[in-house]
């Protein structure tokens, strides 16, 4: 059997007969949109099973893949809903103002049409599930020898997902969220906020709002930002535009506006080759487009920003086909400036 030319990337197990059987099996499975990719995954699994890695690593890869599959299945029915990931300490008590702020925040975000994703534990996580309610929240629980029980507001819900690994859990947080909010917390909170910042800063995930939210009068994130300014920025380890990737506030209304306003005109983006396609809720005026070209020429690789209809390569997203979009060749660096472009789009004159 000769594999289709489009499956040349699949690789080999080292045995043509096995390769052919894998390809035939992948092509025979119903409901598979990309049998070549399935064949590649199967080929990789065969390679691991044959002893190119130890048994423990083989088991870890298998469990990680299963956790990713379960998470994808749970989120799939809600892909049309915007979601905000909420991070914070598991040790925050309900009577503390940080807990109460988290409840108010997630409740308000629910009113704005956003679902909330938390780590499913106690403290700030419980506050997020409480404010959003069981109906409009998810819980991504991590198996630990302590603090491992899901909070009462999400326990038993079909949208509660159990994870053994932090890396698969963090992947679900980052991949499924349309915004992230960090409240005061410990090492885990720092890890989650920096993870989101790192992936956005390096272009490994979509640019979306990151809000570092204190309770009114709180100084947790102000002190954190001071450290970032005095050590990371002063020593040249980050760029000035990286500060556009997040905000620090103790004002609930500012936090909500940062997220909601981000999607006022801007909708989403994807790459088609070296072209960045930015989908919009409303078309921009010619004057607005001219201004964007002048203000953001530093992130354009060549040519200019143009407004157009959906590209042929976007045919696998028919639900977005009617949206206006702008397209340009992006340098794929300095993603803080890309966030500034999205801010400018939201403030630009549109054809209403």
C-alpha atoms as a PDB file:
ATOM      1  CA  UNK A   1       0.000   0.000   0.000  1.00  0.00           C
ATOM      2  CA  UNK A   2       1.390   3.439  -0.946  1.00  0.00           C
ATOM      3  CA  UNK A   3       0.440   6.153   1.556  1.00  0.00           C
ATOM      4  CA  UNK A   4      -1.133   9.337   0.256  1.00  0.00           C
ATOM      5  CA  UNK A   5       1.441  12.033  -0.563  1.00  0.00           C
ATOM      6  CA  UNK A   6      -0.062  14.230   2.156  1.00  0.00           C
ATOM      7  CA  UNK A   7       0.990  11.655   4.754  1.00  0.00           C
ATOM      8  CA  UNK A   8       4.710  11.856   3.990  1.00  0.00           C
ATOM      9  CA  UNK A   9       5.344  13.510   7.384  1.00  0.00           C
ATOM     10  CA  UNK A  10       4.157  10.434   9.298  1.00  0.00           C
ATOM     11  CA  UNK A  11       7.532   8.736   9.622  1.00  0.00           C
ATOM     12  CA  UNK A  12       8.124   5.042  10.035  1.00  0.00           C
ATOM     13  CA  UNK A  13       8.268   2.284  12.601  1.00  0.00           C
ATOM     14  CA  UNK A  14      11.139   0.730  10.671  1.00  0.00           C
ATOM     15  CA  UNK A  15       8.914  -1.954   9.189  1.00  0.00           C
ATOM     16  CA  UNK A  16       6.971  -1.201   6.026  1.00  0.00           C
ATOM     17  CA  UNK A  17       4.393  -3.885   6.756  1.00  0.00           C
ATOM     18  CA  UNK A  18       3.632  -2.317  10.157  1.00  0.00           C
ATOM     19  CA  UNK A  19       3.563   1.171   8.615  1.00  0.00           C
ATOM     20  CA  UNK A  20       1.038   0.013   6.019  1.00  0.00           C
ATOM     21  CA  UNK A  21      -1.150  -1.626   8.650  1.00  0.00           C
ATOM     22  CA  UNK A  22      -1.104   1.541  10.772  1.00  0.00           C
ATOM     23  CA  UNK A  23      -2.050   3.711   7.798  1.00  0.00           C
ATOM     24  CA  UNK A  24      -4.823   1.347   6.754  1.00  0.00           C
ATOM     25  CA  UNK A  25      -6.206   1.309  10.310  1.00  0.00           C
ATOM     26  CA  UNK A  26      -6.055   5.113  10.602  1.00  0.00           C
ATOM     27  CA  UNK A  27      -7.900   5.558   7.317  1.00  0.00           C
ATOM     28  CA  UNK A  28     -10.565   3.042   8.319  1.00  0.00           C
ATOM     29  CA  UNK A  29     -11.545   4.731  11.597  1.00  0.00           C
ATOM     30  CA  UNK A  30     -14.814   6.618  11.140  1.00  0.00           C
ATOM     31  CA  UNK A  31     -15.134  10.244  12.195  1.00  0.00           C
ATOM     32  CA  UNK A  32     -11.402  11.038  11.879  1.00  0.00           C
ATOM     33  CA  UNK A  33     -10.767  14.349  10.115  1.00  0.00           C
ATOM     34  CA  UNK A  34      -7.006  13.817   9.741  1.00  0.00           C
ATOM     35  CA  UNK A  35      -6.038  10.134   9.363  1.00  0.00           C
ATOM     36  CA  UNK A  36      -2.439  11.117   8.586  1.00  0.00           C
ATOM     37  CA  UNK A  37      -2.088  12.733  11.995  1.00  0.00           C
ATOM     38  CA  UNK A  38      -3.671   9.722  13.667  1.00  0.00           C
ATOM     39  CA  UNK A  39      -1.197   7.465  11.855  1.00  0.00           C
ATOM     40  CA  UNK A  40       1.679   9.645  13.081  1.00  0.00           C
ATOM     41  CA  UNK A  41       0.476   9.379  16.689  1.00  0.00           C
ATOM     42  CA  UNK A  42       0.188   5.605  16.369  1.00  0.00           C
ATOM     43  CA  UNK A  43       3.659   5.381  14.834  1.00  0.00           C
ATOM     44  CA  UNK A  44       5.081   7.420  17.716  1.00  0.00           C
ATOM     45  CA  UNK A  45       3.379   5.150  20.248  1.00  0.00           C
ATOM     46  CA  UNK A  46       4.832   2.058  18.568  1.00  0.00           C
ATOM     47  CA  UNK A  47       8.280   3.613  18.744  1.00  0.00           C
ATOM     48  CA  UNK A  48       7.911   4.255  22.479  1.00  0.00           C
ATOM     49  CA  UNK A  49       6.510   0.790  23.124  1.00  0.00           C
ATOM     50  CA  UNK A  50       9.474  -0.846  21.478  1.00  0.00           C
ATOM     51  CA  UNK A  51      11.824   0.293  24.187  1.00  0.00           C
ATOM     52  CA  UNK A  52      13.199   3.588  22.904  1.00  0.00           C
ATOM     53  CA  UNK A  53      12.119   4.955  26.281  1.00  0.00           C
ATOM     54  CA  UNK A  54      11.729   3.402  29.709  1.00  0.00           C
ATOM     55  CA  UNK A  55       8.461   1.950  30.975  1.00  0.00           C
ATOM     56  CA  UNK A  56       7.782   4.862  33.326  1.00  0.00           C
ATOM     57  CA  UNK A  57       8.057   7.428  30.533  1.00  0.00           C
ATOM     58  CA  UNK A  58       5.812   5.282  28.341  1.00  0.00           C
ATOM     59  CA  UNK A  59       3.152   5.214  31.059  1.00  0.00           C
ATOM     60  CA  UNK A  60       3.479   8.980  31.610  1.00  0.00           C
ATOM     61  CA  UNK A  61       2.979   9.710  27.901  1.00  0.00           C
ATOM     62  CA  UNK A  62      -0.078   7.460  27.820  1.00  0.00           C
ATOM     63  CA  UNK A  63      -1.675   9.039  30.884  1.00  0.00           C
ATOM     64  CA  UNK A  64      -0.906  12.562  29.692  1.00  0.00           C
ATOM     65  CA  UNK A  65      -2.555  11.858  26.342  1.00  0.00           C
ATOM     66  CA  UNK A  66      -5.630  10.459  28.078  1.00  0.00           C
ATOM     67  CA  UNK A  67      -5.890  13.543  30.314  1.00  0.00           C
ATOM     68  CA  UNK A  68      -5.650  15.811  27.268  1.00  0.00           C
ATOM     69  CA  UNK A  69      -8.362  13.796  25.519  1.00  0.00           C
ATOM     70  CA  UNK A  70     -10.748  13.990  28.481  1.00  0.00           C
ATOM     71  CA  UNK A  71     -10.187  17.744  28.861  1.00  0.00           C
ATOM     72  CA  UNK A  72     -10.852  18.312  25.172  1.00  0.00           C
ATOM     73  CA  UNK A  73     -14.087  16.310  25.342  1.00  0.00           C
ATOM     74  CA  UNK A  74     -15.333  18.236  28.391  1.00  0.00           C
ATOM     75  CA  UNK A  75     -14.614  21.658  26.871  1.00  0.00           C
ATOM     76  CA  UNK A  76     -15.833  20.841  23.356  1.00  0.00           C
ATOM     77  CA  UNK A  77     -19.560  21.638  23.910  1.00  0.00           C
ATOM     78  CA  UNK A  78     -18.615  25.067  25.306  1.00  0.00           C
ATOM     79  CA  UNK A  79     -16.093  26.173  22.662  1.00  0.00           C
ATOM     80  CA  UNK A  80     -18.477  28.921  21.579  1.00  0.00           C
ATOM     81  CA  UNK A  81     -18.400  30.546  25.044  1.00  0.00           C
ATOM     82  CA  UNK A  82     -15.709  32.936  26.249  1.00  0.00           C
ATOM     83  CA  UNK A  83     -13.919  31.774  29.398  1.00  0.00           C
ATOM     84  CA  UNK A  84     -11.663  33.328  32.017  1.00  0.00           C
ATOM     85  CA  UNK A  85      -9.119  31.339  34.036  1.00  0.00           C
ATOM     86  CA  UNK A  86      -8.952  32.361  37.694  1.00  0.00           C
ATOM     87  CA  UNK A  87      -5.809  31.648  39.747  1.00  0.00           C
ATOM     88  CA  UNK A  88      -5.191  32.245  43.448  1.00  0.00           C
ATOM     89  CA  UNK A  89      -4.400  30.743  46.823  1.00  0.00           C
ATOM     90  CA  UNK A  90      -6.078  27.588  48.077  1.00  0.00           C
ATOM     91  CA  UNK A  91      -5.626  28.894  51.635  1.00  0.00           C
ATOM     92  CA  UNK A  92      -7.759  32.029  51.388  1.00  0.00           C
ATOM     93  CA  UNK A  93     -10.677  31.837  53.835  1.00  0.00           C
ATOM     94  CA  UNK A  94     -14.239  32.830  52.838  1.00  0.00           C
ATOM     95  CA  UNK A  95     -14.250  35.752  55.262  1.00  0.00           C
ATOM     96  CA  UNK A  96     -11.171  37.341  53.688  1.00  0.00           C
ATOM     97  CA  UNK A  97     -11.630  40.251  51.283  1.00  0.00           C
ATOM     98  CA  UNK A  98      -9.655  38.465  48.545  1.00  0.00           C
ATOM     99  CA  UNK A  99     -12.171  35.611  48.587  1.00  0.00           C
ATOM    100  CA  UNK A 100     -15.091  38.016  48.447  1.00  0.00           C
ATOM    101  CA  UNK A 101     -13.467  39.916  45.571  1.00  0.00           C
ATOM    102  CA  UNK A 102     -13.059  36.659  43.638  1.00  0.00           C
ATOM    103  CA  UNK A 103     -16.743  35.815  44.143  1.00  0.00           C
ATOM    104  CA  UNK A 104     -17.807  39.252  42.916  1.00  0.00           C
ATOM    105  CA  UNK A 105     -15.447  39.098  39.955  1.00  0.00           C
ATOM    106  CA  UNK A 106     -16.579  35.698  38.671  1.00  0.00           C
ATOM    107  CA  UNK A 107     -20.220  36.626  39.239  1.00  0.00           C
ATOM    108  CA  UNK A 108     -19.787  39.784  37.179  1.00  0.00           C
ATOM    109  CA  UNK A 109     -17.949  37.911  34.449  1.00  0.00           C
ATOM    110  CA  UNK A 110     -20.854  35.483  34.285  1.00  0.00           C
ATOM    111  CA  UNK A 111     -23.165  38.456  33.768  1.00  0.00           C
ATOM    112  CA  UNK A 112     -20.900  39.501  30.885  1.00  0.00           C
ATOM    113  CA  UNK A 113     -21.269  36.080  29.268  1.00  0.00           C
ATOM    114  CA  UNK A 114     -17.979  34.529  30.406  1.00  0.00           C
ATOM    115  CA  UNK A 115     -17.555  31.133  32.024  1.00  0.00           C
ATOM    116  CA  UNK A 116     -14.912  30.685  34.754  1.00  0.00           C
ATOM    117  CA  UNK A 117     -12.185  28.032  34.925  1.00  0.00           C
ATOM    118  CA  UNK A 118     -10.602  27.343  38.322  1.00  0.00           C
ATOM    119  CA  UNK A 119      -8.334  24.722  39.834  1.00  0.00           C
ATOM    120  CA  UNK A 120     -11.399  23.261  41.633  1.00  0.00           C
ATOM    121  CA  UNK A 121      -9.807  23.447  45.070  1.00  0.00           C
ATOM    122  CA  UNK A 122     -10.602  25.594  48.129  1.00  0.00           C
ATOM    123  CA  UNK A 123      -9.800  29.270  48.664  1.00  0.00           C
ATOM    124  CA  UNK A 124      -9.819  31.545  45.624  1.00  0.00           C
ATOM    125  CA  UNK A 125     -10.686  28.573  43.428  1.00  0.00           C
ATOM    126  CA  UNK A 126     -13.849  27.891  45.422  1.00  0.00           C
ATOM    127  CA  UNK A 127     -14.702  31.590  45.277  1.00  0.00           C
ATOM    128  CA  UNK A 128     -14.473  31.525  41.496  1.00  0.00           C
ATOM    129  CA  UNK A 129     -16.786  28.535  41.215  1.00  0.00           C
ATOM    130  CA  UNK A 130     -19.167  30.039  43.756  1.00  0.00           C
ATOM    131  CA  UNK A 131     -19.483  33.347  41.915  1.00  0.00           C
ATOM    132  CA  UNK A 132     -19.785  31.823  38.454  1.00  0.00           C
ATOM    133  CA  UNK A 133     -22.089  29.063  39.765  1.00  0.00           C
ATOM    134  CA  UNK A 134     -21.843  25.393  38.891  1.00  0.00           C
ATOM    135  CA  UNK A 135     -23.606  25.940  35.582  1.00  0.00           C
ATOM    136  CA  UNK A 136     -21.049  28.418  34.254  1.00  0.00           C
ATOM    137  CA  UNK A 137     -17.768  27.165  35.667  1.00  0.00           C
ATOM    138  CA  UNK A 138     -15.184  24.425  35.204  1.00  0.00           C
ATOM    139  CA  UNK A 139     -12.898  22.784  37.747  1.00  0.00           C
ATOM    140  CA  UNK A 140      -9.465  21.441  36.811  1.00  0.00           C
ATOM    141  CA  UNK A 141      -8.537  19.440  39.897  1.00  0.00           C
ATOM    142  CA  UNK A 142      -5.002  18.197  40.520  1.00  0.00           C
ATOM    143  CA  UNK A 143      -4.377  14.953  42.411  1.00  0.00           C
ATOM    144  CA  UNK A 144      -2.297  15.803  45.492  1.00  0.00           C
ATOM    145  CA  UNK A 145      -1.749  14.209  48.913  1.00  0.00           C
ATOM    146  CA  UNK A 146      -3.314  17.404  50.329  1.00  0.00           C
ATOM    147  CA  UNK A 147      -5.775  20.037  49.077  1.00  0.00           C
ATOM    148  CA  UNK A 148      -6.936  17.495  46.496  1.00  0.00           C
ATOM    149  CA  UNK A 149     -10.677  17.494  47.070  1.00  0.00           C
ATOM    150  CA  UNK A 150     -12.864  19.505  44.736  1.00  0.00           C
ATOM    151  CA  UNK A 151     -14.737  22.348  46.397  1.00  0.00           C
ATOM    152  CA  UNK A 152     -18.456  22.050  47.095  1.00  0.00           C
ATOM    153  CA  UNK A 153     -19.401  24.416  44.250  1.00  0.00           C
ATOM    154  CA  UNK A 154     -18.024  22.160  41.491  1.00  0.00           C
ATOM    155  CA  UNK A 155     -17.759  18.693  43.105  1.00  0.00           C
ATOM    156  CA  UNK A 156     -19.658  16.050  41.140  1.00  0.00           C
ATOM    157  CA  UNK A 157     -20.197  18.313  38.138  1.00  0.00           C
ATOM    158  CA  UNK A 158     -19.509  16.900  34.641  1.00  0.00           C
ATOM    159  CA  UNK A 159     -17.247  19.922  34.046  1.00  0.00           C
ATOM    160  CA  UNK A 160     -14.896  18.813  36.827  1.00  0.00           C
ATOM    161  CA  UNK A 161     -11.743  17.247  35.343  1.00  0.00           C
ATOM    162  CA  UNK A 162      -9.167  15.278  37.323  1.00  0.00           C
ATOM    163  CA  UNK A 163      -5.484  15.691  36.418  1.00  0.00           C
ATOM    164  CA  UNK A 164      -2.451  13.763  37.607  1.00  0.00           C
ATOM    165  CA  UNK A 165       0.055  16.088  35.962  1.00  0.00           C
ATOM    166  CA  UNK A 166       0.449  19.821  36.404  1.00  0.00           C
ATOM    167  CA  UNK A 167       1.643  20.257  32.821  1.00  0.00           C
ATOM    168  CA  UNK A 168      -1.530  18.802  31.285  1.00  0.00           C
ATOM    169  CA  UNK A 169      -3.643  20.832  33.691  1.00  0.00           C
ATOM    170  CA  UNK A 170      -1.794  24.049  32.813  1.00  0.00           C
ATOM    171  CA  UNK A 171      -2.178  23.248  29.129  1.00  0.00           C
ATOM    172  CA  UNK A 172      -5.960  23.077  29.583  1.00  0.00           C
ATOM    173  CA  UNK A 173      -5.962  26.376  31.489  1.00  0.00           C
ATOM    174  CA  UNK A 174      -4.001  28.229  28.822  1.00  0.00           C
ATOM    175  CA  UNK A 175      -5.579  26.587  25.770  1.00  0.00           C
ATOM    176  CA  UNK A 176      -9.205  26.987  26.806  1.00  0.00           C
ATOM    177  CA  UNK A 177      -9.118  30.463  28.379  1.00  0.00           C
ATOM    178  CA  UNK A 178      -9.846  33.773  26.660  1.00  0.00           C
ATOM    179  CA  UNK A 179      -8.418  35.713  29.612  1.00  0.00           C
ATOM    180  CA  UNK A 180      -6.550  34.976  32.833  1.00  0.00           C
ATOM    181  CA  UNK A 181      -6.878  36.601  36.238  1.00  0.00           C
ATOM    182  CA  UNK A 182      -4.397  36.064  39.030  1.00  0.00           C
ATOM    183  CA  UNK A 183      -5.333  36.883  42.601  1.00  0.00           C
ATOM    184  CA  UNK A 184      -2.949  36.728  45.579  1.00  0.00           C
ATOM    185  CA  UNK A 185      -1.542  33.240  45.986  1.00  0.00           C
ATOM    186  CA  UNK A 186       1.501  31.103  46.546  1.00  0.00           C
ATOM    187  CA  UNK A 187       4.035  29.354  44.341  1.00  0.00           C
ATOM    188  CA  UNK A 188       1.321  27.744  42.211  1.00  0.00           C
ATOM    189  CA  UNK A 189      -0.285  31.107  41.451  1.00  0.00           C
ATOM    190  CA  UNK A 190       3.080  32.595  40.483  1.00  0.00           C
ATOM    191  CA  UNK A 191       3.715  29.577  38.266  1.00  0.00           C
ATOM    192  CA  UNK A 192       0.364  29.892  36.497  1.00  0.00           C
ATOM    193  CA  UNK A 193       0.616  33.645  35.903  1.00  0.00           C
ATOM    194  CA  UNK A 194       4.193  33.429  34.638  1.00  0.00           C
ATOM    195  CA  UNK A 195       3.278  30.425  32.486  1.00  0.00           C
ATOM    196  CA  UNK A 196       0.538  32.411  30.740  1.00  0.00           C
ATOM    197  CA  UNK A 197       2.831  35.422  30.324  1.00  0.00           C
ATOM    198  CA  UNK A 198       5.670  33.296  28.959  1.00  0.00           C
ATOM    199  CA  UNK A 199       3.523  31.497  26.390  1.00  0.00           C
ATOM    200  CA  UNK A 200       1.949  34.743  25.179  1.00  0.00           C
ATOM    201  CA  UNK A 201       5.279  36.609  25.145  1.00  0.00           C
ATOM    202  CA  UNK A 202       6.865  33.897  22.987  1.00  0.00           C
ATOM    203  CA  UNK A 203       3.898  33.438  20.656  1.00  0.00           C
ATOM    204  CA  UNK A 204       3.170  29.894  21.809  1.00  0.00           C
ATOM    205  CA  UNK A 205      -0.444  30.693  22.616  1.00  0.00           C
ATOM    206  CA  UNK A 206      -3.012  33.322  21.683  1.00  0.00           C
ATOM    207  CA  UNK A 207      -2.661  36.840  23.017  1.00  0.00           C
ATOM    208  CA  UNK A 208      -5.371  37.481  25.595  1.00  0.00           C
ATOM    209  CA  UNK A 209      -5.839  39.733  28.657  1.00  0.00           C
ATOM    210  CA  UNK A 210      -3.955  38.922  31.847  1.00  0.00           C
ATOM    211  CA  UNK A 211      -5.174  40.754  34.946  1.00  0.00           C
ATOM    212  CA  UNK A 212      -3.335  40.732  38.268  1.00  0.00           C
ATOM    213  CA  UNK A 213      -6.192  41.557  40.650  1.00  0.00           C
ATOM    214  CA  UNK A 214      -5.900  42.577  44.283  1.00  0.00           C
ATOM    215  CA  UNK A 215      -8.719  43.111  46.730  1.00  0.00           C
ATOM    216  CA  UNK A 216      -9.395  46.832  47.275  1.00  0.00           C
ATOM    217  CA  UNK A 217      -6.360  48.382  48.955  1.00  0.00           C
ATOM    218  CA  UNK A 218      -4.247  45.253  48.452  1.00  0.00           C
ATOM    219  CA  UNK A 219      -0.561  45.528  47.515  1.00  0.00           C
ATOM    220  CA  UNK A 220       0.308  41.927  46.559  1.00  0.00           C
ATOM    221  CA  UNK A 221       0.490  42.565  42.809  1.00  0.00           C
ATOM    222  CA  UNK A 222       1.840  46.107  43.173  1.00  0.00           C
ATOM    223  CA  UNK A 223       4.846  44.650  44.956  1.00  0.00           C
ATOM    224  CA  UNK A 224       5.170  41.960  42.305  1.00  0.00           C
ATOM    225  CA  UNK A 225       5.137  44.558  39.532  1.00  0.00           C
ATOM    226  CA  UNK A 226       7.766  46.573  41.366  1.00  0.00           C
ATOM    227  CA  UNK A 227      10.012  43.493  41.368  1.00  0.00           C
ATOM    228  CA  UNK A 228       9.390  43.018  37.625  1.00  0.00           C
ATOM    229  CA  UNK A 229      10.251  46.657  36.929  1.00  0.00           C
ATOM    230  CA  UNK A 230      13.330  46.880  39.158  1.00  0.00           C
ATOM    231  CA  UNK A 231      14.890  43.544  38.251  1.00  0.00           C
ATOM    232  CA  UNK A 232      13.551  42.063  35.010  1.00  0.00           C
ATOM    233  CA  UNK A 233      13.071  45.324  33.101  1.00  0.00           C
ATOM    234  CA  UNK A 234      15.906  47.397  34.551  1.00  0.00           C
ATOM    235  CA  UNK A 235      18.396  44.662  33.697  1.00  0.00           C
ATOM    236  CA  UNK A 236      17.090  44.389  30.129  1.00  0.00           C
ATOM    237  CA  UNK A 237      15.605  40.920  30.563  1.00  0.00           C
ATOM    238  CA  UNK A 238      12.182  41.964  29.235  1.00  0.00           C
ATOM    239  CA  UNK A 239      11.008  44.673  26.835  1.00  0.00           C
ATOM    240  CA  UNK A 240       8.957  47.746  27.610  1.00  0.00           C
ATOM    241  CA  UNK A 241       6.105  46.435  25.449  1.00  0.00           C
ATOM    242  CA  UNK A 242       5.893  43.297  27.633  1.00  0.00           C
ATOM    243  CA  UNK A 243       4.110  45.458  30.186  1.00  0.00           C
ATOM    244  CA  UNK A 244       1.230  45.686  27.706  1.00  0.00           C
ATOM    245  CA  UNK A 245       0.585  41.972  28.225  1.00  0.00           C
ATOM    246  CA  UNK A 246      -0.851  42.452  31.717  1.00  0.00           C
ATOM    247  CA  UNK A 247      -2.363  44.997  34.077  1.00  0.00           C
ATOM    248  CA  UNK A 248      -2.213  45.314  37.859  1.00  0.00           C
ATOM    249  CA  UNK A 249      -5.288  46.687  39.623  1.00  0.00           C
ATOM    250  CA  UNK A 250      -7.315  46.529  42.817  1.00  0.00           C
ATOM    251  CA  UNK A 251     -10.401  47.916  41.064  1.00  0.00           C
ATOM    252  CA  UNK A 252     -12.959  45.268  40.083  1.00  0.00           C
ATOM    253  CA  UNK A 253     -14.471  47.436  37.353  1.00  0.00           C
ATOM    254  CA  UNK A 254     -11.071  48.029  35.755  1.00  0.00           C
ATOM    255  CA  UNK A 255     -10.390  44.280  35.744  1.00  0.00           C
ATOM    256  CA  UNK A 256     -13.723  43.491  34.099  1.00  0.00           C
ATOM    257  CA  UNK A 257     -13.356  46.261  31.510  1.00  0.00           C
ATOM    258  CA  UNK A 258      -9.863  45.037  30.585  1.00  0.00           C
ATOM    259  CA  UNK A 259     -11.303  41.676  29.563  1.00  0.00           C
ATOM    260  CA  UNK A 260     -14.671  42.665  28.107  1.00  0.00           C
ATOM    261  CA  UNK A 261     -13.332  45.589  26.055  1.00  0.00           C
ATOM    262  CA  UNK A 262     -10.601  43.410  24.545  1.00  0.00           C
ATOM    263  CA  UNK A 263     -13.298  41.625  22.521  1.00  0.00           C
ATOM    264  CA  UNK A 264     -15.301  44.718  21.575  1.00  0.00           C
ATOM    265  CA  UNK A 265     -14.027  44.907  17.960  1.00  0.00           C
ATOM    266  CA  UNK A 266     -11.228  42.336  17.940  1.00  0.00           C
ATOM    267  CA  UNK A 267     -12.477  38.733  17.815  1.00  0.00           C
ATOM    268  CA  UNK A 268      -9.624  36.261  17.226  1.00  0.00           C
ATOM    269  CA  UNK A 269      -6.619  35.542  15.044  1.00  0.00           C
ATOM    270  CA  UNK A 270      -4.733  32.732  13.344  1.00  0.00           C
ATOM    271  CA  UNK A 271      -1.698  32.324  11.135  1.00  0.00           C
ATOM    272  CA  UNK A 272      -1.888  31.226   7.513  1.00  0.00           C
ATOM    273  CA  UNK A 273       1.727  30.669   6.570  1.00  0.00           C
ATOM    274  CA  UNK A 274       3.506  33.911   7.462  1.00  0.00           C
ATOM    275  CA  UNK A 275       0.271  35.894   7.296  1.00  0.00           C
ATOM    276  CA  UNK A 276      -1.534  36.934  10.449  1.00  0.00           C
ATOM    277  CA  UNK A 277      -5.306  36.955   9.952  1.00  0.00           C
ATOM    278  CA  UNK A 278      -7.144  39.052  12.548  1.00  0.00           C
ATOM    279  CA  UNK A 279     -10.924  38.554  12.651  1.00  0.00           C
ATOM    280  CA  UNK A 280     -13.048  41.560  13.614  1.00  0.00           C
ATOM    281  CA  UNK A 281     -16.570  42.126  14.873  1.00  0.00           C
ATOM    282  CA  UNK A 282     -16.875  45.204  12.619  1.00  0.00           C
ATOM    283  CA  UNK A 283     -14.920  46.441   9.581  1.00  0.00           C
ATOM    284  CA  UNK A 284     -12.498  49.334  10.035  1.00  0.00           C
ATOM    285  CA  UNK A 285     -12.654  52.596   8.131  1.00  0.00           C
ATOM    286  CA  UNK A 286      -9.978  53.391   5.554  1.00  0.00           C
ATOM    287  CA  UNK A 287      -8.615  56.112   7.832  1.00  0.00           C
ATOM    288  CA  UNK A 288      -8.325  53.660  10.743  1.00  0.00           C
ATOM    289  CA  UNK A 289      -6.476  51.168   8.535  1.00  0.00           C
ATOM    290  CA  UNK A 290      -4.043  53.855   7.387  1.00  0.00           C
ATOM    291  CA  UNK A 291      -3.332  54.789  10.990  1.00  0.00           C
ATOM    292  CA  UNK A 292      -2.671  51.160  11.966  1.00  0.00           C
ATOM    293  CA  UNK A 293      -0.189  50.823   9.111  1.00  0.00           C
ATOM    294  CA  UNK A 294       1.655  53.902  10.308  1.00  0.00           C
ATOM    295  CA  UNK A 295       1.629  53.090  14.015  1.00  0.00           C
ATOM    296  CA  UNK A 296       2.540  49.402  13.762  1.00  0.00           C
ATOM    297  CA  UNK A 297       4.929  49.239  10.809  1.00  0.00           C
ATOM    298  CA  UNK A 298       7.579  47.810  13.193  1.00  0.00           C
ATOM    299  CA  UNK A 299       5.743  44.470  13.486  1.00  0.00           C
ATOM    300  CA  UNK A 300       5.012  44.153   9.753  1.00  0.00           C
ATOM    301  CA  UNK A 301       7.517  41.889   8.016  1.00  0.00           C
ATOM    302  CA  UNK A 302       6.712  43.161   4.529  1.00  0.00           C
ATOM    303  CA  UNK A 303       3.871  44.838   2.682  1.00  0.00           C
ATOM    304  CA  UNK A 304       1.098  46.435   4.696  1.00  0.00           C
ATOM    305  CA  UNK A 305      -2.031  45.708   6.694  1.00  0.00           C
ATOM    306  CA  UNK A 306      -4.983  45.124   4.370  1.00  0.00           C
ATOM    307  CA  UNK A 307      -8.657  44.528   5.026  1.00  0.00           C
ATOM    308  CA  UNK A 308     -10.192  41.577   3.205  1.00  0.00           C
ATOM    309  CA  UNK A 309     -12.601  38.660   3.296  1.00  0.00           C
ATOM    310  CA  UNK A 310     -11.807  35.196   4.649  1.00  0.00           C
ATOM    311  CA  UNK A 311      -8.814  33.495   3.071  1.00  0.00           C
ATOM    312  CA  UNK A 312      -9.278  30.206   1.265  1.00  0.00           C
ATOM    313  CA  UNK A 313      -7.106  28.490   3.890  1.00  0.00           C
ATOM    314  CA  UNK A 314      -9.668  29.424   6.569  1.00  0.00           C
ATOM    315  CA  UNK A 315     -12.263  27.122   5.048  1.00  0.00           C
ATOM    316  CA  UNK A 316     -12.125  24.823   8.084  1.00  0.00           C
ATOM    317  CA  UNK A 317     -13.702  27.577  10.214  1.00  0.00           C
ATOM    318  CA  UNK A 318     -16.976  28.278   8.391  1.00  0.00           C
ATOM    319  CA  UNK A 319     -18.584  29.909  11.446  1.00  0.00           C
ATOM    320  CA  UNK A 320     -16.081  32.789  11.133  1.00  0.00           C
ATOM    321  CA  UNK A 321     -16.254  33.118   7.359  1.00  0.00           C
ATOM    322  CA  UNK A 322     -18.491  36.198   7.296  1.00  0.00           C
ATOM    323  CA  UNK A 323     -16.364  38.229   9.688  1.00  0.00           C
ATOM    324  CA  UNK A 324     -14.291  41.101   8.285  1.00  0.00           C
ATOM    325  CA  UNK A 325     -10.564  40.728   8.881  1.00  0.00           C
ATOM    326  CA  UNK A 326      -7.245  42.448   8.484  1.00  0.00           C
ATOM    327  CA  UNK A 327      -4.233  40.549   7.189  1.00  0.00           C
ATOM    328  CA  UNK A 328      -0.493  41.259   7.223  1.00  0.00           C
ATOM    329  CA  UNK A 329       2.846  39.496   7.351  1.00  0.00           C
ATOM    330  CA  UNK A 330       3.793  39.433  11.016  1.00  0.00           C
ATOM    331  CA  UNK A 331       7.369  39.311  12.298  1.00  0.00           C
ATOM    332  CA  UNK A 332       6.302  36.849  15.012  1.00  0.00           C
ATOM    333  CA  UNK A 333       8.167  38.656  17.746  1.00  0.00           C
ATOM    334  CA  UNK A 334       7.426  41.372  20.296  1.00  0.00           C
ATOM    335  CA  UNK A 335       3.948  40.118  21.137  1.00  0.00           C
ATOM    336  CA  UNK A 336       3.450  43.006  23.532  1.00  0.00           C
ATOM    337  CA  UNK A 337       3.242  45.190  20.432  1.00  0.00           C
ATOM    338  CA  UNK A 338       0.707  42.776  18.950  1.00  0.00           C
ATOM    339  CA  UNK A 339      -1.414  43.279  22.070  1.00  0.00           C
ATOM    340  CA  UNK A 340      -1.065  47.028  21.545  1.00  0.00           C
ATOM    341  CA  UNK A 341      -2.305  46.536  17.974  1.00  0.00           C
ATOM    342  CA  UNK A 342      -5.410  44.770  19.259  1.00  0.00           C
ATOM    343  CA  UNK A 343      -5.979  47.619  21.725  1.00  0.00           C
ATOM    344  CA  UNK A 344      -5.723  50.102  18.843  1.00  0.00           C
ATOM    345  CA  UNK A 345      -8.220  48.043  16.810  1.00  0.00           C
ATOM    346  CA  UNK A 346     -10.703  48.207  19.669  1.00  0.00           C
ATOM    347  CA  UNK A 347     -10.319  51.987  19.806  1.00  0.00           C
ATOM    348  CA  UNK A 348     -10.357  52.497  16.042  1.00  0.00           C
ATOM    349  CA  UNK A 349     -13.155  53.992  13.957  1.00  0.00           C
ATOM    350  CA  UNK A 350     -15.367  51.261  12.504  1.00  0.00           C
ATOM    351  CA  UNK A 351     -18.009  51.046   9.805  1.00  0.00           C
ATOM    352  CA  UNK A 352     -21.076  50.424  11.930  1.00  0.00           C
END
